[in-house]
PDB file of N, CA and C in Angstrom:
ATOM      1  N   MET A   1      48.690 121.794-123.983  1.00  0.00           N
ATOM      2  CA  MET A   1      48.634 120.689-123.043  1.00  0.00           C
ATOM      3  C   MET A   1      48.878 121.176-121.620  1.00  0.00           C
ATOM      4  N   GLY A   2      49.458 122.347-121.474  1.00  0.00           N
ATOM      5  CA  GLY A   2      49.585 122.944-120.159  1.00  0.00           C
ATOM      6  C   GLY A   2      50.784 122.532-119.327  1.00  0.00           C
ATOM      7  N   TYR A   3      51.784 121.907-119.924  1.00  0.00           N
ATOM      8  CA  TYR A   3      52.967 121.492-119.164  1.00  0.00           C
ATOM      9  C   TYR A   3      53.957 122.646-119.020  1.00  0.00           C
ATOM     10  N   GLY A   4      54.711 122.616-117.946  1.00  0.00           N
ATOM     11  CA  GLY A   4      55.799 123.566-117.775  1.00  0.00           C
ATOM     12  C   GLY A   4      56.905 123.230-118.758  1.00  0.00           C
ATOM     13  N   THR A   5      57.445 124.247-119.407  1.00  0.00           N
ATOM     14  CA  THR A   5      58.497 124.019-120.397  1.00  0.00           C
ATOM     15  C   THR A   5      59.644 125.004-120.198  1.00  0.00           C
ATOM     16  N   ALA A   6      60.800 124.612-120.687  1.00  0.00           N
ATOM     17  CA  ALA A   6      61.986 125.459-120.581  1.00  0.00           C
ATOM     18  C   ALA A   6      62.969 125.088-121.680  1.00  0.00           C
ATOM     19  N   LEU A   7      63.905 125.981-121.921  1.00  0.00           N
ATOM     20  CA  LEU A   7      65.059 125.674-122.757  1.00  0.00           C
ATOM     21  C   LEU A   7      66.207 125.324-121.834  1.00  0.00           C
ATOM     22  N   LEU A   8      66.938 124.289-122.166  1.00  0.00           N
ATOM     23  CA  LEU A   8      68.140 123.900-121.439  1.00  0.00           C
ATOM     24  C   LEU A   8      69.319 124.314-122.312  1.00  0.00           C
ATOM     25  N   ILE A   9      70.076 125.289-121.848  1.00  0.00           N
ATOM     26  CA  ILE A   9      71.175 125.853-122.627  1.00  0.00           C
ATOM     27  C   ILE A   9      72.499 125.314-122.098  1.00  0.00           C
ATOM     28  N   PHE A  10      73.194 124.568-122.936  1.00  0.00           N
ATOM     29  CA  PHE A  10      74.503 124.009-122.599  1.00  0.00           C
ATOM     30  C   PHE A  10      75.560 124.877-123.281  1.00  0.00           C
ATOM     31  N   LYS A  11      76.025 125.901-122.596  1.00  0.00           N
ATOM     32  CA  LYS A  11      76.958 126.862-123.198  1.00  0.00           C
ATOM     33  C   LYS A  11      78.276 126.206-123.588  1.00  0.00           C
ATOM     34  N   TYR A  12      78.840 125.403-122.689  1.00  0.00           N
ATOM     35  CA  TYR A  12      80.135 124.773-122.955  1.00  0.00           C
ATOM     36  C   TYR A  12      80.075 123.872-124.188  1.00  0.00           C
ATOM     37  N   GLU A  13      78.971 123.126-124.309  1.00  0.00           N
ATOM     38  CA  GLU A  13      78.826 122.177-125.410  1.00  0.00           C
ATOM     39  C   GLU A  13      78.194 122.804-126.651  1.00  0.00           C
ATOM     40  N   ASN A  14      77.779 124.077-126.560  1.00  0.00           N
ATOM     41  CA  ASN A  14      77.124 124.764-127.669  1.00  0.00           C
ATOM     42  C   ASN A  14      75.899 123.983-128.153  1.00  0.00           C
ATOM     43  N   HIS A  15      75.012 123.651-127.215  1.00  0.00           N
ATOM     44  CA  HIS A  15      73.830 122.856-127.528  1.00  0.00           C
ATOM     45  C   HIS A  15      72.647 123.378-126.729  1.00  0.00           C
ATOM     46  N   GLU A  16      71.464 123.230-127.288  1.00  0.00           N
ATOM     47  CA  GLU A  16      70.225 123.546-126.593  1.00  0.00           C
ATOM     48  C   GLU A  16      69.293 122.355-126.699  1.00  0.00           C
ATOM     49  N   ALA A  17      68.460 122.189-125.682  1.00  0.00           N
ATOM     50  CA  ALA A  17      67.440 121.148-125.697  1.00  0.00           C
ATOM     51  C   ALA A  17      66.186 121.722-125.046  1.00  0.00           C
ATOM     52  N   VAL A  18      65.093 121.040-125.240  1.00  0.00           N
ATOM     53  CA  VAL A  18      63.831 121.415-124.616  1.00  0.00           C
ATOM     54  C   VAL A  18      63.714 120.659-123.304  1.00  0.00           C
ATOM     55  N   GLY A  19      63.123 121.294-122.323  1.00  0.00           N
ATOM     56  CA  GLY A  19      62.840 120.632-121.058  1.00  0.00           C
ATOM     57  C   GLY A  19      61.354 120.683-120.779  1.00  0.00           C
ATOM     58  N   ILE A  20      60.806 119.600-120.267  1.00  0.00           N
ATOM     59  CA  ILE A  20      59.412 119.571-119.838  1.00  0.00           C
ATOM     60  C   ILE A  20      59.411 119.301-118.339  1.00  0.00           C
ATOM     61  N   LYS A  21      58.648 120.083-117.611  1.00  0.00           N
ATOM     62  CA  LYS A  21      58.600 119.954-116.153  1.00  0.00           C
ATOM     63  C   LYS A  21      58.200 118.529-115.781  1.00  0.00           C
ATOM     64  N   CYS A  22      58.957 117.927-114.860  1.00  0.00           N
ATOM     65  CA  CYS A  22      58.711 116.541-114.468  1.00  0.00           C
ATOM     66  C   CYS A  22      59.209 116.319-113.043  1.00  0.00           C
ATOM     67  N   PRO A  23      58.884 115.165-112.456  1.00  0.00           N
ATOM     68  CA  PRO A  23      59.368 114.879-111.099  1.00  0.00           C
ATOM     69  C   PRO A  23      60.896 114.952-111.034  1.00  0.00           C
ATOM     70  N   ILE A  24      61.400 115.490-109.963  1.00  0.00           N
ATOM     71  CA  ILE A  24      62.838 115.729-109.797  1.00  0.00           C
ATOM     72  C   ILE A  24      63.671 114.462-110.004  1.00  0.00           C
ATOM     73  N   ASN A  25      63.151 113.304-109.606  1.00  0.00           N
ATOM     74  CA  ASN A  25      63.897 112.044-109.749  1.00  0.00           C
ATOM     75  C   ASN A  25      64.138 111.651-111.205  1.00  0.00           C
ATOM     76  N   TYR A  26      63.325 112.160-112.122  1.00  0.00           N
ATOM     77  CA  TYR A  26      63.465 111.829-113.539  1.00  0.00           C
ATOM     78  C   TYR A  26      64.079 112.978-114.333  1.00  0.00           C
ATOM     79  N   SER A  27      64.275 114.107-113.679  1.00  0.00           N
ATOM     80  CA  SER A  27      64.741 115.297-114.389  1.00  0.00           C
ATOM     81  C   SER A  27      66.244 115.238-114.671  1.00  0.00           C
ATOM     82  N   TYR A  28      66.666 116.049-115.647  1.00  0.00           N
ATOM     83  CA  TYR A  28      68.072 116.109-116.020  1.00  0.00           C
ATOM     84  C   TYR A  28      68.865 116.784-114.911  1.00  0.00           C
ATOM     85  N   LYS A  29      69.772 116.054-114.303  1.00  0.00           N
ATOM     86  CA  LYS A  29      70.658 116.555-113.246  1.00  0.00           C
ATOM     87  C   LYS A  29      69.918 117.362-112.180  1.00  0.00           C
ATOM     88  N   LYS A  30      68.727 116.857-111.814  1.00  0.00           N
ATOM     89  CA  LYS A  30      67.911 117.456-110.735  1.00  0.00           C
ATOM     90  C   LYS A  30      67.490 118.901-111.029  1.00  0.00           C
ATOM     91  N   THR A  31      67.288 119.223-112.314  1.00  0.00           N
ATOM     92  CA  THR A  31      66.871 120.572-112.692  1.00  0.00           C
ATOM     93  C   THR A  31      65.369 120.787-112.553  1.00  0.00           C
ATOM     94  N   GLY A  32      64.606 119.688-112.472  1.00  0.00           N
ATOM     95  CA  GLY A  32      63.152 119.803-112.461  1.00  0.00           C
ATOM     96  C   GLY A  32      62.544 119.696-113.846  1.00  0.00           C
ATOM     97  N   TYR A  33      63.415 119.502-114.862  1.00  0.00           N
ATOM     98  CA  TYR A  33      62.954 119.376-116.244  1.00  0.00           C
ATOM     99  C   TYR A  33      63.529 118.116-116.881  1.00  0.00           C
ATOM    100  N   CYS A  34      62.659 117.357-117.544  1.00  0.00           N
ATOM    101  CA  CYS A  34      63.109 116.193-118.297  1.00  0.00           C
ATOM    102  C   CYS A  34      63.698 116.668-119.622  1.00  0.00           C
ATOM    103  N   PHE A  35      64.791 116.064-120.008  1.00  0.00           N
ATOM    104  CA  PHE A  35      65.530 116.395-121.224  1.00  0.00           C
ATOM    105  C   PHE A  35      64.777 115.856-122.431  1.00  0.00           C
ATOM    106  N   ILE A  36      64.485 116.717-123.394  1.00  0.00           N
ATOM    107  CA  ILE A  36      63.830 116.314-124.639  1.00  0.00           C
ATOM    108  C   ILE A  36      64.747 116.724-125.783  1.00  0.00           C
ATOM    109  N   GLU A  37      65.315 115.757-126.477  1.00  0.00           N
ATOM    110  CA  GLU A  37      66.208 116.036-127.610  1.00  0.00           C
ATOM    111  C   GLU A  37      65.370 116.156-128.873  1.00  0.00           C
ATOM    112  N   SER A  38      65.626 117.180-129.658  1.00  0.00           N
ATOM    113  CA  SER A  38      64.845 117.370-130.882  1.00  0.00           C
ATOM    114  C   SER A  38      65.652 117.110-132.153  1.00  0.00           C
ATOM    115  N   THR A  39      66.941 116.803-132.020  1.00  0.00           N
ATOM    116  CA  THR A  39      67.758 116.583-133.215  1.00  0.00           C
ATOM    117  C   THR A  39      67.793 115.130-133.660  1.00  0.00           C
ATOM    118  N   SER A  40      67.280 114.228-132.826  1.00  0.00           N
ATOM    119  CA  SER A  40      67.203 112.815-133.195  1.00  0.00           C
ATOM    120  C   SER A  40      66.095 112.164-132.373  1.00  0.00           C
ATOM    121  N   PRO A  41      65.512 111.093-132.905  1.00  0.00           N
ATOM    122  CA  PRO A  41      64.415 110.448-132.174  1.00  0.00           C
ATOM    123  C   PRO A  41      64.930 109.665-130.959  1.00  0.00           C
ATOM    124  N   THR A  42      64.572 110.132-129.780  1.00  0.00           N
ATOM    125  CA  THR A  42      64.925 109.456-128.533  1.00  0.00           C
ATOM    126  C   THR A  42      63.761 109.597-127.565  1.00  0.00           C
ATOM    127  N   ILE A  43      63.761 108.774-126.545  1.00  0.00           N
ATOM    128  CA  ILE A  43      62.710 108.870-125.539  1.00  0.00           C
ATOM    129  C   ILE A  43      62.989 110.063-124.622  1.00  0.00           C
ATOM    130  N   PRO A  44      61.940 110.650-124.061  1.00  0.00           N
ATOM    131  CA  PRO A  44      62.158 111.724-123.078  1.00  0.00           C
ATOM    132  C   PRO A  44      63.054 111.228-121.948  1.00  0.00           C
ATOM    133  N   THR A  45      63.926 112.050-121.477  1.00  0.00           N
ATOM    134  CA  THR A  45      64.919 111.829-120.412  1.00  0.00           C
ATOM    135  C   THR A  45      66.242 111.277-120.935  1.00  0.00           C
ATOM    136  N   TYR A  46      66.301 110.786-122.181  1.00  0.00           N
ATOM    137  CA  TYR A  46      67.554 110.233-122.691  1.00  0.00           C
ATOM    138  C   TYR A  46      68.508 111.365-123.060  1.00  0.00           C
ATOM    139  N   ALA A  47      69.626 111.450-122.362  1.00  0.00           N
ATOM    140  CA  ALA A  47      70.591 112.531-122.590  1.00  0.00           C
ATOM    141  C   ALA A  47      72.013 111.989-122.724  1.00  0.00           C
ATOM    142  N   LYS A  48      72.153 110.780-123.216  1.00  0.00           N
ATOM    143  CA  LYS A  48      73.474 110.151-123.323  1.00  0.00           C
ATOM    144  C   LYS A  48      74.015 110.140-124.750  1.00  0.00           C
ATOM    145  N   ALA A  49      73.382 110.874-125.654  1.00  0.00           N
ATOM    146  CA  ALA A  49      73.851 110.906-127.039  1.00  0.00           C
ATOM    147  C   ALA A  49      75.241 111.532-127.104  1.00  0.00           C
ATOM    148  N   LYS A  50      75.969 111.183-128.137  1.00  0.00           N
ATOM    149  CA  LYS A  50      77.289 111.768-128.358  1.00  0.00           C
ATOM    150  C   LYS A  50      77.160 112.802-129.472  1.00  0.00           C
ATOM    151  N   TYR A  51      77.626 114.011-129.188  1.00  0.00           N
ATOM    152  CA  TYR A  51      77.514 115.123-130.117  1.00  0.00           C
ATOM    153  C   TYR A  51      78.866 115.390-130.772  1.00  0.00           C
ATOM    154  N   VAL A  52      78.844 115.719-132.056  1.00  0.00           N
ATOM    155  CA  VAL A  52      80.057 115.941-132.836  1.00  0.00           C
ATOM    156  C   VAL A  52      80.920 117.018-132.177  1.00  0.00           C
ATOM    157  N   GLY A  53      82.173 116.690-131.951  1.00  0.00           N
ATOM    158  CA  GLY A  53      83.120 117.632-131.391  1.00  0.00           C
ATOM    159  C   GLY A  53      83.013 117.852-129.895  1.00  0.00           C
ATOM    160  N   VAL A  54      82.019 117.228-129.259  1.00  0.00           N
ATOM    161  CA  VAL A  54      81.778 117.465-127.833  1.00  0.00           C
ATOM    162  C   VAL A  54      81.701 116.170-127.041  1.00  0.00           C
ATOM    163  N   GLY A  55      81.077 115.166-127.620  1.00  0.00           N
ATOM    164  CA  GLY A  55      80.802 113.933-126.876  1.00  0.00           C
ATOM    165  C   GLY A  55      79.489 114.079-126.126  1.00  0.00           C
ATOM    166  N   GLU A  56      79.412 113.501-124.942  1.00  0.00           N
ATOM    167  CA  GLU A  56      78.186 113.589-124.143  1.00  0.00           C
ATOM    168  C   GLU A  56      78.075 114.952-123.470  1.00  0.00           C
ATOM    169  N   LEU A  57      76.837 115.377-123.246  1.00  0.00           N
ATOM    170  CA  LEU A  57      76.601 116.604-122.491  1.00  0.00           C
ATOM    171  C   LEU A  57      76.959 116.338-121.040  1.00  0.00           C
ATOM    172  N   ASP A  58      77.739 117.226-120.453  1.00  0.00           N
ATOM    173  CA  ASP A  58      78.206 116.994-119.093  1.00  0.00           C
ATOM    174  C   ASP A  58      77.925 118.163-118.152  1.00  0.00           C
ATOM    175  N   SER A  59      77.721 119.335-118.700  1.00  0.00           N
ATOM    176  CA  SER A  59      77.571 120.521-117.857  1.00  0.00           C
ATOM    177  C   SER A  59      76.149 120.652-117.300  1.00  0.00           C
ATOM    178  N   ILE A  60      76.021 121.496-116.296  1.00  0.00           N
ATOM    179  CA  ILE A  60      74.705 121.853-115.768  1.00  0.00           C
ATOM    180  C   ILE A  60      74.180 122.976-116.666  1.00  0.00           C
ATOM    181  N   PRO A  61      73.014 122.776-117.288  1.00  0.00           N
ATOM    182  CA  PRO A  61      72.541 123.783-118.233  1.00  0.00           C
ATOM    183  C   PRO A  61      71.957 125.016-117.545  1.00  0.00           C
ATOM    184  N   GLU A  62      71.993 126.115-118.266  1.00  0.00           N
ATOM    185  CA  GLU A  62      71.222 127.290-117.866  1.00  0.00           C
ATOM    186  C   GLU A  62      69.769 126.981-118.209  1.00  0.00           C
ATOM    187  N   ILE A  63      68.852 127.280-117.309  1.00  0.00           N
ATOM    188  CA  ILE A  63      67.436 127.001-117.527  1.00  0.00           C
ATOM    189  C   ILE A  63      66.732 128.311-117.861  1.00  0.00           C
ATOM    190  N   ILE A  64      66.090 128.351-119.016  1.00  0.00           N
ATOM    191  CA  ILE A  64      65.280 129.502-119.389  1.00  0.00           C
ATOM    192  C   ILE A  64      63.829 129.039-119.434  1.00  0.00           C
ATOM    193  N   LYS A  65      63.067 129.437-118.422  1.00  0.00           N
ATOM    194  CA  LYS A  65      61.676 129.000-118.315  1.00  0.00           C
ATOM    195  C   LYS A  65      60.840 129.648-119.415  1.00  0.00           C
ATOM    196  N   ILE A  66      60.078 128.826-120.120  1.00  0.00           N
ATOM    197  CA  ILE A  66      59.182 129.297-121.170  1.00  0.00           C
ATOM    198  C   ILE A  66      57.765 129.426-120.621  1.00  0.00           C
ATOM    199  N   SER A  67      57.297 128.379-119.949  1.00  0.00           N
ATOM    200  CA  SER A  67      55.956 128.417-119.364  1.00  0.00           C
ATOM    201  C   SER A  67      55.953 127.659-118.045  1.00  0.00           C
ATOM    202  N   ASP A  68      55.135 128.133-117.137  1.00  0.00           N
ATOM    203  CA  ASP A  68      54.992 127.486-115.838  1.00  0.00           C
ATOM    204  C   ASP A  68      53.668 126.738-115.853  1.00  0.00           C
ATOM    205  N   GLY A  69      53.743 125.440-115.950  1.00  0.00           N
ATOM    206  CA  GLY A  69      52.528 124.640-116.042  1.00  0.00           C
ATOM    207  C   GLY A  69      52.645 123.398-115.196  1.00  0.00           C
ATOM    208  N   LYS A  70      51.811 122.432-115.530  1.00  0.00           N
ATOM    209  CA  LYS A  70      51.798 121.192-114.750  1.00  0.00           C
ATOM    210  C   LYS A  70      53.026 120.340-115.050  1.00  0.00           C
ATOM    211  N   SER A  71      53.286 119.425-114.143  1.00  0.00           N
ATOM    212  CA  SER A  71      54.408 118.500-114.268  1.00  0.00           C
ATOM    213  C   SER A  71      53.967 117.255-115.038  1.00  0.00           C
ATOM    214  N   PHE A  72      54.843 116.743-115.885  1.00  0.00           N
ATOM    215  CA  PHE A  72      54.573 115.516-116.635  1.00  0.00           C
ATOM    216  C   PHE A  72      54.887 114.329-115.735  1.00  0.00           C
ATOM    217  N   ASP A  73      53.999 114.082-114.776  1.00  0.00           N
ATOM    218  CA  ASP A  73      54.216 113.014-113.802  1.00  0.00           C
ATOM    219  C   ASP A  73      54.115 111.625-114.419  1.00  0.00           C
ATOM    220  N   GLY A  74      53.463 111.490-115.564  1.00  0.00           N
ATOM    221  CA  GLY A  74      53.338 110.207-116.235  1.00  0.00           C
ATOM    222  C   GLY A  74      54.639 109.711-116.845  1.00  0.00           C
ATOM    223  N   ILE A  75      55.685 110.518-116.808  1.00  0.00           N
ATOM    224  CA  ILE A  75      56.978 110.116-117.367  1.00  0.00           C
ATOM    225  C   ILE A  75      57.473 108.827-116.723  1.00  0.00           C
ATOM    226  N   ALA A  76      57.167 108.630-115.453  1.00  0.00           N
ATOM    227  CA  ALA A  76      57.620 107.438-114.731  1.00  0.00           C
ATOM    228  C   ALA A  76      57.018 106.167-115.314  1.00  0.00           C
ATOM    229  N   GLU A  77      55.839 106.264-115.890  1.00  0.00           N
ATOM    230  CA  GLU A  77      55.173 105.088-116.457  1.00  0.00           C
ATOM    231  C   GLU A  77      55.775 104.674-117.789  1.00  0.00           C
ATOM    232  N   GLY A  78      56.392 105.615-118.497  1.00  0.00           N
ATOM    233  CA  GLY A  78      56.915 105.323-119.826  1.00  0.00           C
ATOM    234  C   GLY A  78      58.371 104.926-119.859  1.00  0.00           C
ATOM    235  N   ILE A  79      59.023 104.938-118.709  1.00  0.00           N
ATOM    236  CA  ILE A  79      60.456 104.628-118.686  1.00  0.00           C
ATOM    237  C   ILE A  79      60.685 103.241-118.138  1.00  0.00           C
TER     238      ILE A  79
END
């Protein structure tokens, strides 16, 4: 599909998530990537889940870029 993708690494919370390049206003903590959770069905950008032993994700993740592609600008229409 050609979108920019990354891994969002939450070291403190011992969690990883997928990020898809998106407009900064919709991105997780202004990282430039929308949060995509793969452990439960949620809409893109939803990052308020409570994780066992941790609670909500609160830290700024390390970003590991996987691919540099287009931005998912249509995210604004689905929220």
